[in-house]
Amino acid sequence: MRDRKVRNESWFPLAMIVILGVLLYVGLTHLSSIYGAVRSFLGYFRSVFIGCAIAYILNPLAVRFENGILHRIKRKKLRWILAISLSILCMVCVLALLLGMLIPQLIDSIMRLMENMDEYIDSLKEFADQWGLSEKLKLDDIISSSGDIMNRLIALVTDNLNNILSALAITGKSLVTTFISMILSIYLLASKTELKASGLRFYRALVPARHQEGILVFIKRCDAILVRYITFTLLDSLIVGSTNMIFMLAVKMQYAGLVSMVVALTNLIPTFGPVIGTVIGGFILLLINPVHALIFIIFIFILQTIDGYIIKPKLFGGTLGVSGLLILIAIVVFGNIWGVVGILLAIPLAAILDFSYKEEILPVLERHRKKRDELARSKATSDELVDDDDDYDPSEIREPADE
């Protein structure tokens, strides 16, 4: 009762406006501190978030195993555990294959680069001399003052030893976090049924009954878009990387595994990824054989054209039909908010925003507009009737004549 009395006071709205204004001012003036505090707090749950992400990615694969090759097993719990095990095994095998191709060729590339450093420097000087850039860039002073490059690198490592050790410590911590996240993902997948039932019970207790079905439909559709995008994007990158590797091996190009991995990984990035992969792969091959670099660039252009107009439409269908402008805006906005993760998820997030606007927000706005128009028309009609009544003059009525 006392709360209602306070809310009915004439000064209450003004006081609330002042309080909200002060909170907004304090929040804007200390935005960086608030952001740092929130980020630091969420950092404690980093392993949990990564574990949830891994479980979400592995769940479709586990479901396929459960409903596919394991469907004859009658015990549901055993079937689900075996499906989780197979999905984890597939992930580990893929990571081992990628690292097995990447690490040896990366070491080989570094060793070859160090062995041929003098030739690369001479080629760079010849190119600069041809275009008259040696004097502007002062390459002679830079190269002559560098002396032995290996000694220079050793001195650089020695001077930055503390930074290198810190980077190694951060890398080790990240590996431990990733391992813990993988363990958490296994537990999350194993407890999928219980977690889903508990979450649904909490949802029904929290959300009003009239909104429950609509929100559930919206969540299921968002989930379908994300799962479809993640699954077929990984499959598309695998197809592009494998095709590129087969071509490079057929043409007998060097570093086929390393370059194909770069092409496959950068293909995950929407819009700009293929360009980045082409530039990196072309630069690697340019240091070894310029002719191979040119052939690689031409082949990647053809491959990305086929991928964009044939492979991706076949995989995604019309479920993710989003305009290019909205995708670019989503890449910029979500990239600034969440970094690389935001860029990778820009397309499904743009698709969710697109269908939310067209199928949820816009129809509601149109219905409200229609109701306002109907109300305005009915009000106008009633006003006309009132005006007609005002024009009515009883004196104009004549008594009927006596017959």
Protein backbone atom coordinates (compact mmCIF):
# COMPACT_ATOMS: atom_id res chain seq x y z
CA MET A 1 0.00 0.00 0.00
CA ARG A 2 2.78 2.42 0.93
CA ASP A 3 4.56 1.67 -2.39
CA ARG A 4 1.41 2.50 -4.31
CA LYS A 5 1.03 5.75 -2.44
CA VAL A 6 4.60 6.73 -3.30
CA ARG A 7 4.11 5.90 -6.95
CA ASN A 8 0.98 8.02 -7.11
CA GLU A 9 2.78 11.09 -5.78
CA SER A 10 3.23 13.93 -8.28
CA TRP A 11 7.00 14.09 -7.73
CA PHE A 12 7.62 10.36 -8.36
CA PRO A 13 7.97 10.48 -12.22
CA LEU A 14 10.36 13.43 -12.01
CA ALA A 15 12.46 11.65 -9.37
CA MET A 16 12.68 8.52 -11.53
CA ILE A 17 13.80 10.57 -14.53
CA VAL A 18 16.52 12.25 -12.44
CA ILE A 19 17.74 8.90 -11.06
CA LEU A 20 17.86 7.30 -14.51
CA GLY A 21 19.68 10.35 -15.88
CA VAL A 22 22.31 10.16 -13.13
CA LEU A 23 22.79 6.41 -13.70
CA LEU A 24 23.11 6.96 -17.44
CA TYR A 25 25.68 9.74 -16.93
CA VAL A 26 27.75 7.64 -14.52
CA GLY A 27 27.57 4.66 -16.88
CA LEU A 28 28.71 6.67 -19.91
CA THR A 29 31.53 8.44 -18.07
CA HIS A 30 32.84 5.15 -16.64
CA LEU A 31 32.03 2.97 -19.66
CA SER A 32 35.54 1.57 -20.03
CA SER A 33 35.72 0.65 -16.33
CA ILE A 34 32.32 -1.03 -16.45
CA TYR A 35 33.26 -2.92 -19.61
CA GLY A 36 36.54 -4.04 -18.05
CA ALA A 37 34.78 -5.20 -14.89
CA VAL A 38 32.15 -7.16 -16.84
CA ARG A 39 34.81 -8.69 -19.08
CA SER A 40 36.93 -9.62 -16.05
CA PHE A 41 33.91 -11.21 -14.35
CA LEU A 42 32.93 -13.18 -17.47
CA GLY A 43 36.56 -14.31 -17.81
CA TYR A 44 36.03 -16.58 -14.81
CA PHE A 45 33.46 -18.49 -16.88
CA ARG A 46 35.60 -18.68 -20.02
CA SER A 47 36.05 -22.45 -19.83
CA VAL A 48 32.31 -22.91 -19.39
CA PHE A 49 31.49 -20.71 -22.41
CA ILE A 50 34.03 -22.51 -24.61
CA GLY A 51 32.74 -25.88 -23.38
CA CYS A 52 29.17 -24.88 -24.26
CA ALA A 53 30.34 -23.77 -27.73
CA ILE A 54 32.17 -27.08 -28.34
CA ALA A 55 29.15 -29.06 -27.13
CA TYR A 56 26.84 -27.02 -29.38
CA ILE A 57 29.06 -27.68 -32.42
CA LEU A 58 29.44 -31.40 -31.68
CA ASN A 59 25.76 -31.98 -30.88
CA PRO A 60 24.54 -32.21 -34.54
CA LEU A 61 27.29 -34.72 -35.35
CA ALA A 62 26.44 -36.80 -32.26
CA VAL A 63 22.74 -36.73 -33.20
CA ARG A 64 23.59 -37.97 -36.70
CA PHE A 65 25.64 -40.82 -35.25
CA GLU A 66 22.82 -41.68 -32.84
CA ASN A 67 20.16 -41.77 -35.56
CA GLY A 68 22.48 -43.27 -38.19
CA ILE A 69 24.99 -46.03 -37.63
CA LEU A 70 24.00 -46.53 -33.97
CA HIS A 71 20.21 -46.65 -34.41
CA ARG A 72 20.09 -50.44 -33.87
CA ILE A 73 21.30 -50.15 -30.27
CA LYS A 74 18.16 -50.37 -28.11
CA ARG A 75 19.48 -48.76 -24.94
CA LYS A 76 19.08 -45.03 -25.54
CA LYS A 77 21.64 -43.91 -22.95
CA LEU A 78 24.31 -46.28 -24.27
CA ARG A 79 23.53 -45.18 -27.84
CA TRP A 80 23.96 -41.50 -26.89
CA ILE A 81 27.24 -42.13 -25.03
CA LEU A 82 28.65 -43.99 -28.05
CA ALA A 83 27.51 -41.14 -30.33
CA ILE A 84 29.33 -38.60 -28.12
CA SER A 85 32.46 -40.76 -28.15
CA LEU A 86 32.44 -41.00 -31.95
CA SER A 87 31.93 -37.26 -32.36
CA ILE A 88 34.81 -36.50 -29.98
CA LEU A 89 36.99 -39.04 -31.82
CA CYS A 90 36.20 -37.37 -35.16
CA MET A 91 37.12 -33.94 -33.76
CA VAL A 92 40.42 -35.24 -32.34
CA CYS A 93 41.28 -36.96 -35.63
CA VAL A 94 40.60 -33.81 -37.63
CA LEU A 95 42.72 -31.69 -35.27
CA ALA A 96 45.54 -34.25 -35.36
CA LEU A 97 45.40 -34.33 -39.17
CA LEU A 98 45.49 -30.53 -39.41
CA LEU A 99 48.35 -30.18 -36.94
CA GLY A 100 50.20 -33.06 -38.62
CA MET A 101 50.07 -31.22 -41.92
CA LEU A 102 50.68 -27.76 -40.50
CA ILE A 103 53.56 -28.16 -38.07
CA PRO A 104 56.06 -30.09 -40.29
CA GLN A 105 55.44 -27.84 -43.28
CA LEU A 106 55.61 -24.73 -41.12
CA ILE A 107 59.00 -25.80 -39.76
CA ASP A 108 60.13 -26.65 -43.28
CA SER A 109 58.97 -23.24 -44.51
CA ILE A 110 60.92 -21.43 -41.78
CA MET A 111 64.07 -23.43 -42.45
CA ARG A 112 63.79 -22.87 -46.20
CA LEU A 113 63.20 -19.16 -45.61
CA MET A 114 66.32 -18.88 -43.48
CA GLU A 115 68.40 -20.83 -46.02
CA ASN A 116 67.28 -18.70 -48.96
CA MET A 117 67.23 -15.37 -47.13
CA ASP A 118 70.20 -14.02 -49.12
CA GLU A 119 68.51 -14.83 -52.43
CA TYR A 120 65.29 -13.16 -51.28
CA ILE A 121 67.20 -10.04 -50.23
CA ASP A 122 69.00 -9.90 -53.58
CA SER A 123 65.71 -10.27 -55.43
CA LEU A 124 64.23 -7.51 -53.30
CA LYS A 125 67.16 -5.21 -54.06
CA GLU A 126 66.92 -5.92 -57.81
CA PHE A 127 63.20 -5.17 -57.79
CA ALA A 128 63.75 -1.96 -55.83
CA ASP A 129 66.55 -0.88 -58.18
CA GLN A 130 64.36 -1.41 -61.22
CA TRP A 131 61.67 0.83 -59.82
CA GLY A 132 64.03 3.35 -58.24
CA LEU A 133 62.98 2.57 -54.68
CA SER A 134 66.37 1.72 -53.19
CA GLU A 135 67.26 5.31 -52.31
CA LYS A 136 63.80 6.13 -50.99
CA LEU A 137 63.61 3.04 -48.79
CA LYS A 138 67.36 3.11 -47.96
CA LEU A 139 67.59 -0.64 -48.44
CA ASP A 140 71.40 -0.63 -48.62
CA ASP A 141 71.67 0.98 -45.19
CA ILE A 142 69.10 -1.36 -43.72
CA ILE A 143 70.64 -4.53 -45.17
CA SER A 144 74.26 -3.53 -44.53
CA SER A 145 73.54 -2.50 -40.97
CA SER A 146 71.69 -5.71 -40.23
CA GLY A 147 74.82 -7.83 -40.58
CA ASP A 148 74.22 -11.47 -39.99
CA ILE A 149 70.47 -12.03 -39.88
CA MET A 150 70.73 -15.06 -37.63
CA ASN A 151 72.74 -13.10 -35.06
CA ARG A 152 70.21 -10.32 -35.32
CA LEU A 153 67.37 -12.73 -34.64
CA ILE A 154 69.23 -14.29 -31.70
CA ALA A 155 69.81 -10.85 -30.20
CA LEU A 156 66.13 -10.02 -30.72
CA VAL A 157 65.07 -13.19 -28.94
CA THR A 158 67.48 -12.50 -26.07
CA ASP A 159 66.25 -8.93 -25.63
CA ASN A 160 62.61 -10.00 -25.57
CA LEU A 161 63.02 -13.17 -23.57
CA ASN A 162 60.57 -12.06 -20.87
CA ASN A 163 57.90 -11.27 -23.43
CA ILE A 164 58.46 -14.60 -25.13
CA LEU A 165 58.16 -16.47 -21.83
CA SER A 166 54.97 -14.56 -21.04
CA ALA A 167 53.56 -15.47 -24.44
CA LEU A 168 54.46 -19.13 -23.87
CA ALA A 169 52.79 -19.02 -20.45
CA ILE A 170 49.63 -17.54 -21.98
CA THR A 171 49.70 -20.21 -24.69
CA GLY A 172 50.06 -22.96 -22.08
CA LYS A 173 47.19 -21.49 -20.08
CA SER A 174 45.04 -21.39 -23.22
CA LEU A 175 45.81 -25.04 -23.91
CA VAL A 176 44.81 -25.99 -20.36
CA THR A 177 41.60 -23.94 -20.72
CA THR A 178 40.82 -25.67 -24.00
CA PHE A 179 41.39 -29.11 -22.47
CA ILE A 180 39.11 -28.29 -19.52
CA SER A 181 36.51 -26.93 -21.95
CA MET A 182 36.57 -30.18 -23.91
CA ILE A 183 35.99 -32.17 -20.73
CA LEU A 184 33.10 -29.85 -19.84
CA SER A 185 31.63 -30.28 -23.32
CA ILE A 186 31.58 -34.05 -22.86
CA TYR A 187 29.72 -33.69 -19.55
CA LEU A 188 27.31 -31.19 -21.12
CA LEU A 189 26.53 -33.54 -23.99
CA ALA A 190 26.13 -36.48 -21.64
CA SER A 191 23.68 -34.47 -19.51
CA LYS A 192 21.83 -33.04 -22.50
CA THR A 193 18.43 -34.55 -21.65
CA GLU A 194 18.48 -33.46 -17.99
CA LEU A 195 19.75 -29.96 -18.83
CA LYS A 196 17.12 -29.53 -21.54
CA ALA A 197 14.29 -30.62 -19.21
CA SER A 198 15.53 -28.36 -16.40
CA GLY A 199 15.90 -25.39 -18.73
CA LEU A 200 12.44 -25.92 -20.19
CA ARG A 201 10.91 -26.08 -16.73
CA PHE A 202 12.63 -22.85 -15.71
CA TYR A 203 11.53 -21.24 -18.98
CA ARG A 204 7.87 -22.15 -18.44
CA ALA A 205 8.02 -20.85 -14.86
CA LEU A 206 9.58 -17.56 -16.01
CA VAL A 207 7.70 -16.71 -19.21
CA PRO A 208 3.91 -16.02 -19.30
CA ALA A 209 1.89 -18.83 -20.87
CA ARG A 210 0.60 -16.70 -23.76
CA HIS A 211 4.16 -15.99 -24.97
CA GLN A 212 5.76 -19.40 -24.38
CA GLU A 213 4.93 -21.05 -27.70
CA GLY A 214 5.92 -18.06 -29.84
CA ILE A 215 9.28 -17.62 -28.12
CA LEU A 216 10.00 -21.37 -28.37
CA VAL A 217 9.32 -21.28 -32.13
CA PHE A 218 11.66 -18.30 -32.46
CA ILE A 219 14.43 -20.05 -30.47
CA LYS A 220 14.08 -23.26 -32.50
CA ARG A 221 14.32 -21.34 -35.75
CA CYS A 222 17.44 -19.47 -34.58
CA ASP A 223 18.96 -22.78 -33.50
CA ALA A 224 18.20 -24.33 -36.91
CA ILE A 225 19.88 -21.40 -38.70
CA LEU A 226 23.00 -21.58 -36.52
CA VAL A 227 23.34 -25.37 -36.76
CA ARG A 228 22.82 -25.37 -40.52
CA TYR A 229 25.29 -22.53 -41.03
CA ILE A 230 28.03 -24.01 -38.82
CA THR A 231 27.65 -27.53 -40.26
CA PHE A 232 27.63 -26.57 -43.92
CA THR A 233 30.28 -23.87 -43.52
CA LEU A 234 32.69 -26.44 -42.09
CA LEU A 235 31.74 -28.88 -44.85
CA ASP A 236 32.21 -26.19 -47.52
CA SER A 237 35.65 -25.26 -46.16
CA LEU A 238 36.63 -28.93 -46.15
CA ILE A 239 35.54 -29.28 -49.79
CA VAL A 240 37.42 -26.14 -50.87
CA GLY A 241 40.59 -27.06 -48.96
CA SER A 242 40.59 -30.66 -50.20
CA THR A 243 40.01 -29.61 -53.81
CA ASN A 244 42.83 -27.08 -53.60
CA MET A 245 45.19 -29.68 -52.10
CA ILE A 246 44.38 -32.22 -54.83
CA PHE A 247 45.07 -29.60 -57.51
CA MET A 248 48.36 -28.49 -55.93
CA LEU A 249 49.55 -32.09 -55.60
CA ALA A 250 48.58 -32.78 -59.22
CA VAL A 251 50.54 -29.74 -60.42
CA LYS A 252 53.38 -30.72 -58.04
CA MET A 253 53.37 -27.45 -56.10
CA GLN A 254 55.24 -27.21 -52.83
CA TYR A 255 53.56 -26.69 -49.45
CA ALA A 256 50.26 -28.15 -50.69
CA GLY A 257 49.14 -29.02 -47.15
CA LEU A 258 50.07 -25.66 -45.62
CA VAL A 259 48.53 -23.55 -48.37
CA SER A 260 45.37 -25.70 -48.55
CA MET A 261 44.92 -25.37 -44.79
CA VAL A 262 45.23 -21.59 -45.06
CA VAL A 263 42.64 -21.59 -47.87
CA ALA A 264 40.24 -23.80 -45.87
CA LEU A 265 40.54 -21.78 -42.63
CA THR A 266 40.18 -18.38 -44.29
CA ASN A 267 37.19 -19.72 -46.25
CA LEU A 268 35.33 -19.77 -42.91
CA ILE A 269 35.46 -15.95 -42.87
CA PRO A 270 32.53 -14.52 -44.85
CA THR A 271 33.08 -12.14 -47.79
CA PHE A 272 36.76 -11.31 -47.18
CA GLY A 273 38.05 -14.79 -46.26
CA PRO A 274 38.71 -16.12 -49.79
CA VAL A 275 40.64 -12.95 -50.67
CA ILE A 276 42.80 -13.26 -47.54
CA GLY A 277 43.50 -16.94 -48.24
CA THR A 278 44.44 -16.20 -51.85
CA VAL A 279 46.85 -13.44 -50.83
CA ILE A 280 48.56 -15.53 -48.13
CA GLY A 281 48.82 -18.66 -50.30
CA GLY A 282 50.02 -16.67 -53.30
CA PHE A 283 52.70 -14.95 -51.21
CA ILE A 284 53.99 -18.28 -49.86
CA LEU A 285 54.26 -19.70 -53.39
CA LEU A 286 55.72 -16.46 -54.76
CA LEU A 287 58.81 -16.89 -52.60
CA ILE A 288 59.43 -20.31 -54.18
CA ASN A 289 58.03 -20.24 -57.71
CA PRO A 290 56.24 -17.18 -59.19
CA VAL A 291 54.71 -19.32 -61.96
CA HIS A 292 53.10 -21.59 -59.37
CA ALA A 293 51.82 -18.51 -57.54
CA LEU A 294 50.11 -17.26 -60.71
CA ILE A 295 48.59 -20.68 -61.44
CA PHE A 296 47.40 -20.91 -57.83
CA ILE A 297 45.70 -17.49 -57.97
CA ILE A 298 43.91 -18.36 -61.23
CA PHE A 299 42.77 -21.72 -59.85
CA ILE A 300 41.54 -20.21 -56.57
CA PHE A 301 39.56 -17.59 -58.51
CA ILE A 302 37.84 -20.35 -60.50
CA LEU A 303 37.32 -22.49 -57.38
CA GLN A 304 35.80 -19.64 -55.37
CA THR A 305 33.50 -18.78 -58.28
CA ILE A 306 32.26 -22.38 -58.42
CA ASP A 307 31.95 -22.42 -54.63
CA GLY A 308 29.97 -19.19 -54.53
CA TYR A 309 27.55 -20.00 -57.35
CA ILE A 310 27.19 -23.80 -57.17
CA ILE A 311 28.47 -25.42 -53.94
CA LYS A 312 27.17 -22.96 -51.34
CA PRO A 313 23.68 -22.58 -52.90
CA LYS A 314 23.39 -26.38 -52.95
CA LEU A 315 24.44 -26.65 -49.29
CA PHE A 316 22.60 -23.72 -47.77
CA GLY A 317 19.60 -23.54 -50.09
CA GLY A 318 17.42 -20.48 -49.48
CA THR A 319 17.49 -20.62 -45.68
CA LEU A 320 20.23 -18.03 -45.31
CA GLY A 321 19.28 -15.66 -48.11
CA VAL A 322 20.56 -12.36 -46.72
CA SER A 323 21.44 -9.24 -48.69
CA GLY A 324 25.11 -8.42 -49.18
CA LEU A 325 24.70 -5.00 -47.54
CA LEU A 326 23.28 -6.54 -44.35
CA ILE A 327 26.14 -9.06 -44.27
CA LEU A 328 28.75 -6.29 -44.56
CA ILE A 329 27.06 -4.29 -41.79
CA ALA A 330 26.88 -7.43 -39.62
CA ILE A 331 30.59 -8.17 -40.21
CA VAL A 332 31.58 -4.65 -39.16
CA VAL A 333 29.26 -4.42 -36.14
CA PHE A 334 29.65 -7.93 -34.72
CA GLY A 335 33.37 -7.91 -35.53
CA ASN A 336 33.79 -4.79 -33.38
CA ILE A 337 31.73 -6.36 -30.58
CA TRP A 338 33.05 -9.94 -30.48
CA GLY A 339 36.16 -9.87 -32.68
CA VAL A 340 36.89 -12.94 -34.81
CA VAL A 341 33.93 -14.86 -33.38
CA GLY A 342 31.60 -12.04 -34.40
CA ILE A 343 33.01 -12.07 -37.94
CA LEU A 344 32.59 -15.85 -38.25
CA LEU A 345 28.97 -15.68 -37.02
CA ALA A 346 28.05 -12.52 -38.94
CA ILE A 347 25.98 -14.31 -41.60
CA PRO A 348 23.71 -16.39 -39.27
CA LEU A 349 23.26 -13.41 -36.95
CA ALA A 350 22.33 -11.27 -39.95
CA ALA A 351 19.88 -13.98 -41.07
CA ILE A 352 18.30 -14.05 -37.60
CA LEU A 353 17.97 -10.26 -37.55
CA ASP A 354 16.54 -10.32 -41.09
CA PHE A 355 13.77 -12.83 -40.43
CA SER A 356 13.07 -11.30 -36.99
CA TYR A 357 12.48 -7.92 -38.62
CA LYS A 358 10.46 -9.22 -41.59
CA GLU A 359 8.37 -11.85 -39.78
CA GLU A 360 8.14 -10.59 -36.20
CA ILE A 361 8.69 -6.84 -35.86
CA LEU A 362 7.28 -5.59 -39.18
CA PRO A 363 3.94 -7.51 -38.96
CA VAL A 364 3.41 -6.20 -35.40
CA LEU A 365 4.08 -2.63 -36.54
CA GLU A 366 1.72 -3.09 -39.50
CA ARG A 367 -1.04 -4.45 -37.24
CA HIS A 368 -0.67 -1.53 -34.83
CA ARG A 369 -0.74 0.88 -37.75
CA LYS A 370 -3.87 -0.78 -39.13
CA LYS A 371 -5.58 -0.55 -35.74
CA ARG A 372 -4.67 3.13 -35.45
CA ASP A 373 -6.03 3.81 -38.95
CA GLU A 374 -9.26 1.97 -38.17
CA LEU A 375 -9.59 3.85 -34.89
CA ALA A 376 -8.98 7.14 -36.68
CA ARG A 377 -11.61 6.30 -39.32
CA SER A 378 -14.17 5.26 -36.71
CA LYS A 379 -13.49 8.46 -34.77
CA ALA A 380 -13.87 10.52 -37.92
CA THR A 381 -17.19 8.77 -38.68
CA SER A 382 -18.47 9.41 -35.16
CA ASP A 383 -17.46 13.08 -35.44
CA GLU A 384 -19.41 13.38 -38.70
CA LEU A 385 -22.46 11.90 -37.01
CA VAL A 386 -22.09 14.38 -34.16
CA ASP A 387 -21.83 17.24 -36.67
CA ASP A 388 -25.01 16.04 -38.40
CA ASP A 389 -26.78 15.98 -35.04
CA ASP A 390 -25.60 19.54 -34.34
CA ASP A 391 -27.11 20.72 -37.65
CA TYR A 392 -30.45 19.25 -36.67
CA ASP A 393 -33.10 22.01 -35.90
CA PRO A 394 -36.37 20.86 -34.30
CA SER A 395 -38.18 24.03 -35.44
CA GLU A 396 -37.87 22.93 -39.04
CA ILE A 397 -40.25 20.03 -38.36
CA ARG A 398 -43.75 20.98 -39.48
CA GLU A 399 -46.89 19.60 -37.99
CA PRO A 400 -48.93 17.59 -40.44
CA ALA A 401 -51.86 19.54 -41.85
CA ASP A 402 -55.35 18.63 -40.66
CA GLU A 403 -57.25 16.92 -43.34
